[in-house]
PDB file of N, CA and C in Angstrom:
ATOM      1  N   UNK A   1      41.645  79.437  49.438  1.00  0.00           N
ATOM      2  CA  UNK A   1      42.540  80.593  49.362  1.00  0.00           C
ATOM      3  C   UNK A   1      41.845  81.615  50.532  1.00  0.00           C
ATOM      4  N   UNK A   2      42.739  82.435  51.109  1.00  0.00           N
ATOM      5  CA  UNK A   2      42.428  83.325  52.198  1.00  0.00           C
ATOM      6  C   UNK A   2      41.733  84.393  51.416  1.00  0.00           C
ATOM      7  N   UNK A   3      40.793  85.157  52.046  1.00  0.00           N
ATOM      8  CA  UNK A   3      40.231  86.414  51.467  1.00  0.00           C
ATOM      9  C   UNK A   3      40.812  87.721  51.850  1.00  0.00           C
ATOM     10  N   UNK A   4      41.393  87.639  52.839  1.00  0.00           N
ATOM     11  CA  UNK A   4      42.293  88.816  53.381  1.00  0.00           C
ATOM     12  C   UNK A   4      43.519  89.079  52.606  1.00  0.00           C
ATOM     13  N   UNK A   5      43.778  90.226  52.009  1.00  0.00           N
ATOM     14  CA  UNK A   5      44.878  90.313  51.346  1.00  0.00           C
ATOM     15  C   UNK A   5      45.241  92.011  51.309  1.00  0.00           C
ATOM     16  N   UNK A   6      46.405  92.307  50.765  1.00  0.00           N
ATOM     17  CA  UNK A   6      46.667  93.616  50.527  1.00  0.00           C
ATOM     18  C   UNK A   6      47.426  93.767  49.211  1.00  0.00           C
ATOM     19  N   UNK A   7      47.465  94.700  48.365  1.00  0.00           N
ATOM     20  CA  UNK A   7      48.143  95.010  47.084  1.00  0.00           C
ATOM     21  C   UNK A   7      49.066  95.890  47.662  1.00  0.00           C
ATOM     22  N   UNK A   8      50.439  95.543  47.420  1.00  0.00           N
ATOM     23  CA  UNK A   8      51.575  96.389  47.507  1.00  0.00           C
ATOM     24  C   UNK A   8      52.363  96.822  46.232  1.00  0.00           C
ATOM     25  N   UNK A   9      52.525  98.113  46.169  1.00  0.00           N
ATOM     26  CA  UNK A   9      53.365  98.658  45.135  1.00  0.00           C
ATOM     27  C   UNK A   9      54.859  98.664  45.475  1.00  0.00           C
ATOM     28  N   UNK A  10      55.706  98.279  44.627  1.00  0.00           N
ATOM     29  CA  UNK A  10      57.073  98.068  45.072  1.00  0.00           C
ATOM     30  C   UNK A  10      58.027  98.856  43.919  1.00  0.00           C
ATOM     31  N   UNK A  11      59.265  99.160  44.376  1.00  0.00           N
ATOM     32  CA  UNK A  11      60.260  99.740  43.742  1.00  0.00           C
ATOM     33  C   UNK A  11      61.682  98.667  44.120  1.00  0.00           C
ATOM     34  N   UNK A  12      62.023  98.190  43.268  1.00  0.00           N
ATOM     35  CA  UNK A  12      63.039  97.288  43.756  1.00  0.00           C
ATOM     36  C   UNK A  12      64.239  97.483  42.678  1.00  0.00           C
ATOM     37  N   UNK A  13      65.436  97.479  43.677  1.00  0.00           N
ATOM     38  CA  UNK A  13      66.736  97.550  43.140  1.00  0.00           C
ATOM     39  C   UNK A  13      67.386  96.138  43.295  1.00  0.00           C
ATOM     40  N   UNK A  14      67.802  95.799  42.087  1.00  0.00           N
ATOM     41  CA  UNK A  14      68.365  94.513  42.189  1.00  0.00           C
ATOM     42  C   UNK A  14      69.860  94.298  42.200  1.00  0.00           C
ATOM     43  N   UNK A  15      70.654  93.374  42.458  1.00  0.00           N
ATOM     44  CA  UNK A  15      71.953  93.220  42.437  1.00  0.00           C
ATOM     45  C   UNK A  15      72.647  94.271  43.613  1.00  0.00           C
ATOM     46  N   UNK A  16      72.096  94.220  44.741  1.00  0.00           N
ATOM     47  CA  UNK A  16      72.548  95.122  45.938  1.00  0.00           C
ATOM     48  C   UNK A  16      73.406  94.241  46.727  1.00  0.00           C
ATOM     49  N   UNK A  17      74.144  94.815  47.718  1.00  0.00           N
ATOM     50  CA  UNK A  17      74.961  94.041  48.685  1.00  0.00           C
ATOM     51  C   UNK A  17      74.065  93.477  49.521  1.00  0.00           C
ATOM     52  N   UNK A  18      72.974  93.836  50.173  1.00  0.00           N
ATOM     53  CA  UNK A  18      72.089  93.010  50.861  1.00  0.00           C
ATOM     54  C   UNK A  18      70.734  93.200  50.642  1.00  0.00           C
ATOM     55  N   UNK A  19      70.000  92.374  51.071  1.00  0.00           N
ATOM     56  CA  UNK A  19      68.380  92.474  50.982  1.00  0.00           C
ATOM     57  C   UNK A  19      68.012  93.405  52.189  1.00  0.00           C
ATOM     58  N   UNK A  20      67.255  94.466  51.952  1.00  0.00           N
ATOM     59  CA  UNK A  20      66.956  95.435  52.885  1.00  0.00           C
ATOM     60  C   UNK A  20      65.813  96.228  52.306  1.00  0.00           C
ATOM     61  N   UNK A  21      64.902  96.645  53.252  1.00  0.00           N
ATOM     62  CA  UNK A  21      63.793  97.713  53.029  1.00  0.00           C
ATOM     63  C   UNK A  21      64.548  99.121  53.104  1.00  0.00           C
ATOM     64  N   UNK A  22      64.351  99.984  52.189  1.00  0.00           N
ATOM     65  CA  UNK A  22      64.925 101.223  52.189  1.00  0.00           C
ATOM     66  C   UNK A  22      63.814 102.177  52.784  1.00  0.00           C
ATOM     67  N   UNK A  23      62.568 102.383  52.097  1.00  0.00           N
ATOM     68  CA  UNK A  23      61.622 103.305  52.664  1.00  0.00           C
ATOM     69  C   UNK A  23      60.249 102.814  52.275  1.00  0.00           C
ATOM     70  N   UNK A  24      59.269 103.614  52.744  1.00  0.00           N
ATOM     71  CA  UNK A  24      57.967 103.645  52.352  1.00  0.00           C
ATOM     72  C   UNK A  24      57.577 104.849  52.080  1.00  0.00           C
ATOM     73  N   UNK A  25      57.205 105.241  50.701  1.00  0.00           N
ATOM     74  CA  UNK A  25      56.724 106.622  50.555  1.00  0.00           C
ATOM     75  C   UNK A  25      56.022 106.712  49.371  1.00  0.00           C
ATOM     76  N   UNK A  26      55.086 107.603  49.253  1.00  0.00           N
ATOM     77  CA  UNK A  26      54.238 107.633  48.094  1.00  0.00           C
ATOM     78  C   UNK A  26      53.489 106.402  47.645  1.00  0.00           C
ATOM     79  N   UNK A  27      53.169 105.734  48.602  1.00  0.00           N
ATOM     80  CA  UNK A  27      52.372 104.336  48.529  1.00  0.00           C
ATOM     81  C   UNK A  27      53.086 103.291  47.967  1.00  0.00           C
ATOM     82  N   UNK A  28      54.506 103.476  48.060  1.00  0.00           N
ATOM     83  CA  UNK A  28      55.457 102.579  47.506  1.00  0.00           C
ATOM     84  C   UNK A  28      56.555 102.199  48.329  1.00  0.00           C
ATOM     85  N   UNK A  29      56.689 100.659  48.383  1.00  0.00           N
ATOM     86  CA  UNK A  29      57.843 100.246  49.454  1.00  0.00           C
ATOM     87  C   UNK A  29      58.951 100.268  48.526  1.00  0.00           C
ATOM     88  N   UNK A  30      59.986 100.734  48.938  1.00  0.00           N
ATOM     89  CA  UNK A  30      61.289 100.540  48.215  1.00  0.00           C
ATOM     90  C   UNK A  30      62.344  99.677  49.035  1.00  0.00           C
ATOM     91  N   UNK A  31      62.778  98.657  48.057  1.00  0.00           N
ATOM     92  CA  UNK A  31      63.534  97.583  48.602  1.00  0.00           C
ATOM     93  C   UNK A  31      64.967  97.418  47.727  1.00  0.00           C
ATOM     94  N   UNK A  32      65.957  96.849  48.461  1.00  0.00           N
ATOM     95  CA  UNK A  32      67.066  96.179  47.614  1.00  0.00           C
ATOM     96  C   UNK A  32      67.211  94.807  47.758  1.00  0.00           C
ATOM     97  N   UNK A  33      67.586  94.218  46.617  1.00  0.00           N
ATOM     98  CA  UNK A  33      67.713  92.701  46.701  1.00  0.00           C
ATOM     99  C   UNK A  33      68.931  92.398  46.251  1.00  0.00           C
ATOM    100  N   UNK A  34      69.480  91.251  46.861  1.00  0.00           N
ATOM    101  CA  UNK A  34      70.820  90.785  46.251  1.00  0.00           C
ATOM    102  C   UNK A  34      71.018  90.314  45.125  1.00  0.00           C
ATOM    103  N   UNK A  35      70.116  89.425  44.714  1.00  0.00           N
ATOM    104  CA  UNK A  35      70.115  88.683  43.385  1.00  0.00           C
ATOM    105  C   UNK A  35      69.927  89.546  42.203  1.00  0.00           C
ATOM    106  N   UNK A  36      70.736  89.118  41.086  1.00  0.00           N
ATOM    107  CA  UNK A  36      70.440  89.792  39.805  1.00  0.00           C
ATOM    108  C   UNK A  36      69.256  89.696  39.267  1.00  0.00           C
ATOM    109  N   UNK A  37      68.982  90.763  38.545  1.00  0.00           N
ATOM    110  CA  UNK A  37      67.522  90.727  37.684  1.00  0.00           C
ATOM    111  C   UNK A  37      67.792  89.869  36.264  1.00  0.00           C
ATOM    112  N   UNK A  38      68.292  88.520  36.664  1.00  0.00           N
ATOM    113  CA  UNK A  38      68.458  87.461  35.319  1.00  0.00           C
ATOM    114  C   UNK A  38      67.645  86.439  35.758  1.00  0.00           C
ATOM    115  N   UNK A  39      66.867  85.809  34.690  1.00  0.00           N
ATOM    116  CA  UNK A  39      65.876  84.809  34.926  1.00  0.00           C
ATOM    117  C   UNK A  39      65.221  84.768  35.896  1.00  0.00           C
ATOM    118  N   UNK A  40      64.416  85.673  36.398  1.00  0.00           N
ATOM    119  CA  UNK A  40      63.741  85.659  37.597  1.00  0.00           C
ATOM    120  C   UNK A  40      64.379  85.497  38.744  1.00  0.00           C
ATOM    121  N   UNK A  41      65.597  85.694  39.195  1.00  0.00           N
ATOM    122  CA  UNK A  41      66.050  85.471  40.220  1.00  0.00           C
ATOM    123  C   UNK A  41      65.969  86.513  41.353  1.00  0.00           C
ATOM    124  N   UNK A  42      65.851  87.750  40.753  1.00  0.00           N
ATOM    125  CA  UNK A  42      65.593  88.702  41.978  1.00  0.00           C
ATOM    126  C   UNK A  42      64.049  88.998  42.154  1.00  0.00           C
ATOM    127  N   UNK A  43      63.142  88.235  41.523  1.00  0.00           N
ATOM    128  CA  UNK A  43      61.869  88.131  41.916  1.00  0.00           C
ATOM    129  C   UNK A  43      61.758  87.020  42.857  1.00  0.00           C
ATOM    130  N   UNK A  44      62.359  86.089  42.697  1.00  0.00           N
ATOM    131  CA  UNK A  44      62.319  84.758  43.402  1.00  0.00           C
ATOM    132  C   UNK A  44      62.859  85.223  44.906  1.00  0.00           C
ATOM    133  N   UNK A  45      64.042  86.107  44.844  1.00  0.00           N
ATOM    134  CA  UNK A  45      64.722  86.657  46.080  1.00  0.00           C
ATOM    135  C   UNK A  45      63.684  87.415  46.937  1.00  0.00           C
ATOM    136  N   UNK A  46      63.162  88.332  46.132  1.00  0.00           N
ATOM    137  CA  UNK A  46      62.073  89.206  46.600  1.00  0.00           C
ATOM    138  C   UNK A  46      61.056  88.592  47.461  1.00  0.00           C
ATOM    139  N   UNK A  47      60.391  87.616  46.815  1.00  0.00           N
ATOM    140  CA  UNK A  47      59.370  86.759  47.586  1.00  0.00           C
ATOM    141  C   UNK A  47      59.951  86.040  48.746  1.00  0.00           C
ATOM    142  N   UNK A  48      61.269  85.679  48.592  1.00  0.00           N
ATOM    143  CA  UNK A  48      61.789  84.808  49.598  1.00  0.00           C
ATOM    144  C   UNK A  48      61.995  85.820  50.850  1.00  0.00           C
ATOM    145  N   UNK A  49      62.519  86.769  50.419  1.00  0.00           N
ATOM    146  CA  UNK A  49      62.772  87.860  51.502  1.00  0.00           C
ATOM    147  C   UNK A  49      61.384  88.426  52.242  1.00  0.00           C
ATOM    148  N   UNK A  50      60.560  88.938  51.362  1.00  0.00           N
ATOM    149  CA  UNK A  50      59.315  89.401  52.076  1.00  0.00           C
ATOM    150  C   UNK A  50      58.570  88.164  52.979  1.00  0.00           C
ATOM    151  N   UNK A  51      58.535  87.181  52.345  1.00  0.00           N
ATOM    152  CA  UNK A  51      58.082  86.101  53.250  1.00  0.00           C
ATOM    153  C   UNK A  51      58.531  85.900  54.502  1.00  0.00           C
ATOM    154  N   UNK A  52      60.134  85.965  54.734  1.00  0.00           N
ATOM    155  CA  UNK A  52      60.655  85.697  55.944  1.00  0.00           C
ATOM    156  C   UNK A  52      60.442  86.813  56.883  1.00  0.00           C
ATOM    157  N   UNK A  53      60.453  87.954  56.206  1.00  0.00           N
ATOM    158  CA  UNK A  53      60.073  89.196  57.190  1.00  0.00           C
ATOM    159  C   UNK A  53      58.844  89.527  57.859  1.00  0.00           C
ATOM    160  N   UNK A  54      57.930  89.064  56.802  1.00  0.00           N
ATOM    161  CA  UNK A  54      56.298  89.010  57.115  1.00  0.00           C
ATOM    162  C   UNK A  54      55.698  87.959  58.004  1.00  0.00           C
ATOM    163  N   UNK A  55      56.719  86.824  57.851  1.00  0.00           N
ATOM    164  CA  UNK A  55      56.368  85.671  58.629  1.00  0.00           C
ATOM    165  C   UNK A  55      55.140  85.135  57.838  1.00  0.00           C
ATOM    166  N   UNK A  56      54.976  84.859  56.485  1.00  0.00           N
ATOM    167  CA  UNK A  56      54.076  84.262  56.097  1.00  0.00           C
ATOM    168  C   UNK A  56      54.636  83.224  54.825  1.00  0.00           C
ATOM    169  N   UNK A  57      53.886  82.313  54.316  1.00  0.00           N
ATOM    170  CA  UNK A  57      54.157  81.369  53.420  1.00  0.00           C
ATOM    171  C   UNK A  57      54.470  82.094  52.066  1.00  0.00           C
ATOM    172  N   UNK A  58      55.521  81.524  51.389  1.00  0.00           N
ATOM    173  CA  UNK A  58      55.839  82.071  49.873  1.00  0.00           C
ATOM    174  C   UNK A  58      54.437  81.996  49.071  1.00  0.00           C
ATOM    175  N   UNK A  59      53.798  81.094  49.249  1.00  0.00           N
ATOM    176  CA  UNK A  59      52.707  80.745  48.311  1.00  0.00           C
ATOM    177  C   UNK A  59      51.633  81.920  48.558  1.00  0.00           C
ATOM    178  N   UNK A  60      51.734  82.782  49.409  1.00  0.00           N
ATOM    179  CA  UNK A  60      50.680  83.874  49.626  1.00  0.00           C
ATOM    180  C   UNK A  60      51.094  85.092  48.959  1.00  0.00           C
ATOM    181  N   UNK A  61      52.226  85.180  48.424  1.00  0.00           N
ATOM    182  CA  UNK A  61      52.831  86.385  47.914  1.00  0.00           C
ATOM    183  C   UNK A  61      52.774  86.025  46.331  1.00  0.00           C
ATOM    184  N   UNK A  62      52.016  86.960  45.689  1.00  0.00           N
ATOM    185  CA  UNK A  62      51.791  86.596  44.244  1.00  0.00           C
ATOM    186  C   UNK A  62      52.245  87.959  43.292  1.00  0.00           C
ATOM    187  N   UNK A  63      53.103  87.972  42.475  1.00  0.00           N
ATOM    188  CA  UNK A  63      53.586  88.975  41.598  1.00  0.00           C
ATOM    189  C   UNK A  63      52.605  89.198  40.477  1.00  0.00           C
ATOM    190  N   UNK A  64      51.747  90.220  40.519  1.00  0.00           N
ATOM    191  CA  UNK A  64      50.696  90.481  39.623  1.00  0.00           C
ATOM    192  C   UNK A  64      50.855  91.506  38.571  1.00  0.00           C
ATOM    193  N   UNK A  65      52.157  92.099  38.662  1.00  0.00           N
ATOM    194  CA  UNK A  65      52.655  93.164  37.683  1.00  0.00           C
ATOM    195  C   UNK A  65      53.973  93.484  37.817  1.00  0.00           C
ATOM    196  N   UNK A  66      54.721  93.465  36.838  1.00  0.00           N
ATOM    197  CA  UNK A  66      56.269  93.994  37.006  1.00  0.00           C
ATOM    198  C   UNK A  66      57.089  92.944  36.826  1.00  0.00           C
ATOM    199  N   UNK A  67      56.836  91.804  36.265  1.00  0.00           N
ATOM    200  CA  UNK A  67      57.863  90.610  36.317  1.00  0.00           C
ATOM    201  C   UNK A  67      59.267  91.058  35.744  1.00  0.00           C
ATOM    202  N   UNK A  68      59.438  91.973  34.662  1.00  0.00           N
ATOM    203  CA  UNK A  68      60.563  92.225  34.147  1.00  0.00           C
ATOM    204  C   UNK A  68      60.771  93.867  34.270  1.00  0.00           C
ATOM    205  N   UNK A  69      60.428  94.477  35.552  1.00  0.00           N
ATOM    206  CA  UNK A  69      60.464  95.640  35.733  1.00  0.00           C
ATOM    207  C   UNK A  69      60.955  96.025  37.111  1.00  0.00           C
ATOM    208  N   UNK A  70      61.477  97.256  37.494  1.00  0.00           N
ATOM    209  CA  UNK A  70      61.655  97.573  38.777  1.00  0.00           C
ATOM    210  C   UNK A  70      60.456  97.931  39.580  1.00  0.00           C
ATOM    211  N   UNK A  71      59.486  98.324  38.839  1.00  0.00           N
ATOM    212  CA  UNK A  71      58.208  98.692  39.426  1.00  0.00           C
ATOM    213  C   UNK A  71      57.411  97.314  39.397  1.00  0.00           C
ATOM    214  N   UNK A  72      56.908  97.025  40.625  1.00  0.00           N
ATOM    215  CA  UNK A  72      56.193  95.686  40.749  1.00  0.00           C
ATOM    216  C   UNK A  72      55.067  95.838  41.766  1.00  0.00           C
ATOM    217  N   UNK A  73      54.116  95.154  41.388  1.00  0.00           N
ATOM    218  CA  UNK A  73      52.864  94.964  42.361  1.00  0.00           C
ATOM    219  C   UNK A  73      52.672  93.651  42.684  1.00  0.00           C
ATOM    220  N   UNK A  74      52.473  93.552  44.113  1.00  0.00           N
ATOM    221  CA  UNK A  74      52.216  92.273  44.645  1.00  0.00           C
ATOM    222  C   UNK A  74      50.993  92.085  45.506  1.00  0.00           C
ATOM    223  N   UNK A  75      50.482  90.985  45.282  1.00  0.00           N
ATOM    224  CA  UNK A  75      49.164  90.643  46.025  1.00  0.00           C
ATOM    225  C   UNK A  75      49.567  89.621  47.018  1.00  0.00           C
ATOM    226  N   UNK A  76      49.348  90.126  48.405  1.00  0.00           N
ATOM    227  CA  UNK A  76      49.806  89.428  49.629  1.00  0.00           C
ATOM    228  C   UNK A  76      48.597  88.864  50.480  1.00  0.00           C
ATOM    229  N   UNK A  77      48.477  87.683  50.398  1.00  0.00           N
ATOM    230  CA  UNK A  77      47.177  87.135  51.146  1.00  0.00           C
ATOM    231  C   UNK A  77      47.572  86.710  52.527  1.00  0.00           C
ATOM    232  N   UNK A  78      46.546  86.971  53.461  1.00  0.00           N
ATOM    233  CA  UNK A  78      46.722  86.882  54.832  1.00  0.00           C
ATOM    234  C   UNK A  78      47.239  88.077  55.531  1.00  0.00           C
ATOM    235  N   UNK A  79      47.194  89.186  55.065  1.00  0.00           N
ATOM    236  CA  UNK A  79      47.715  90.442  55.586  1.00  0.00           C
ATOM    237  C   UNK A  79      46.667  91.650  55.315  1.00  0.00           C
ATOM    238  N   UNK A  80      46.664  92.411  55.970  1.00  0.00           N
ATOM    239  CA  UNK A  80      45.781  93.628  55.812  1.00  0.00           C
ATOM    240  C   UNK A  80      46.529  95.022  55.981  1.00  0.00           C
ATOM    241  N   UNK A  81      46.402  95.970  55.708  1.00  0.00           N
ATOM    242  CA  UNK A  81      46.989  97.225  55.848  1.00  0.00           C
ATOM    243  C   UNK A  81      47.260  97.460  57.272  1.00  0.00           C
ATOM    244  N   UNK A  82      46.289  96.974  58.238  1.00  0.00           N
ATOM    245  CA  UNK A  82      46.347  97.055  59.631  1.00  0.00           C
ATOM    246  C   UNK A  82      47.672  96.315  60.006  1.00  0.00           C
ATOM    247  N   UNK A  83      47.775  95.180  59.482  1.00  0.00           N
ATOM    248  CA  UNK A  83      49.043  94.167  59.859  1.00  0.00           C
ATOM    249  C   UNK A  83      50.192  94.829  59.748  1.00  0.00           C
ATOM    250  N   UNK A  84      50.269  95.589  58.560  1.00  0.00           N
ATOM    251  CA  UNK A  84      51.521  96.296  58.280  1.00  0.00           C
ATOM    252  C   UNK A  84      51.756  97.802  58.716  1.00  0.00           C
ATOM    253  N   UNK A  85      50.493  98.198  59.383  1.00  0.00           N
ATOM    254  CA  UNK A  85      50.711  99.649  59.684  1.00  0.00           C
ATOM    255  C   UNK A  85      50.862 100.524  58.864  1.00  0.00           C
ATOM    256  N   UNK A  86      50.202 100.388  57.586  1.00  0.00           N
ATOM    257  CA  UNK A  86      50.361 101.522  56.558  1.00  0.00           C
ATOM    258  C   UNK A  86      49.443 102.890  56.749  1.00  0.00           C
TER     259      UNK A  86
END
């Protein structure tokens, strides 16, 4: 497993028209996700979306908190704050 990682706080709105990043404020990334928050579908789509836009493997993204909440915490391996320009 890679040693470089970031911890990313998220606020996710499920069941949106499109997948999109809304803003980054107060150390929290706000996103909209198309999938409904049912049976983990929104979490899966969130990981798929972030994997695509960050150009990293889905297996490098771990949901560590907030499985059933709008407030989530992700651990993303292979990235640093410098990579994201935070």
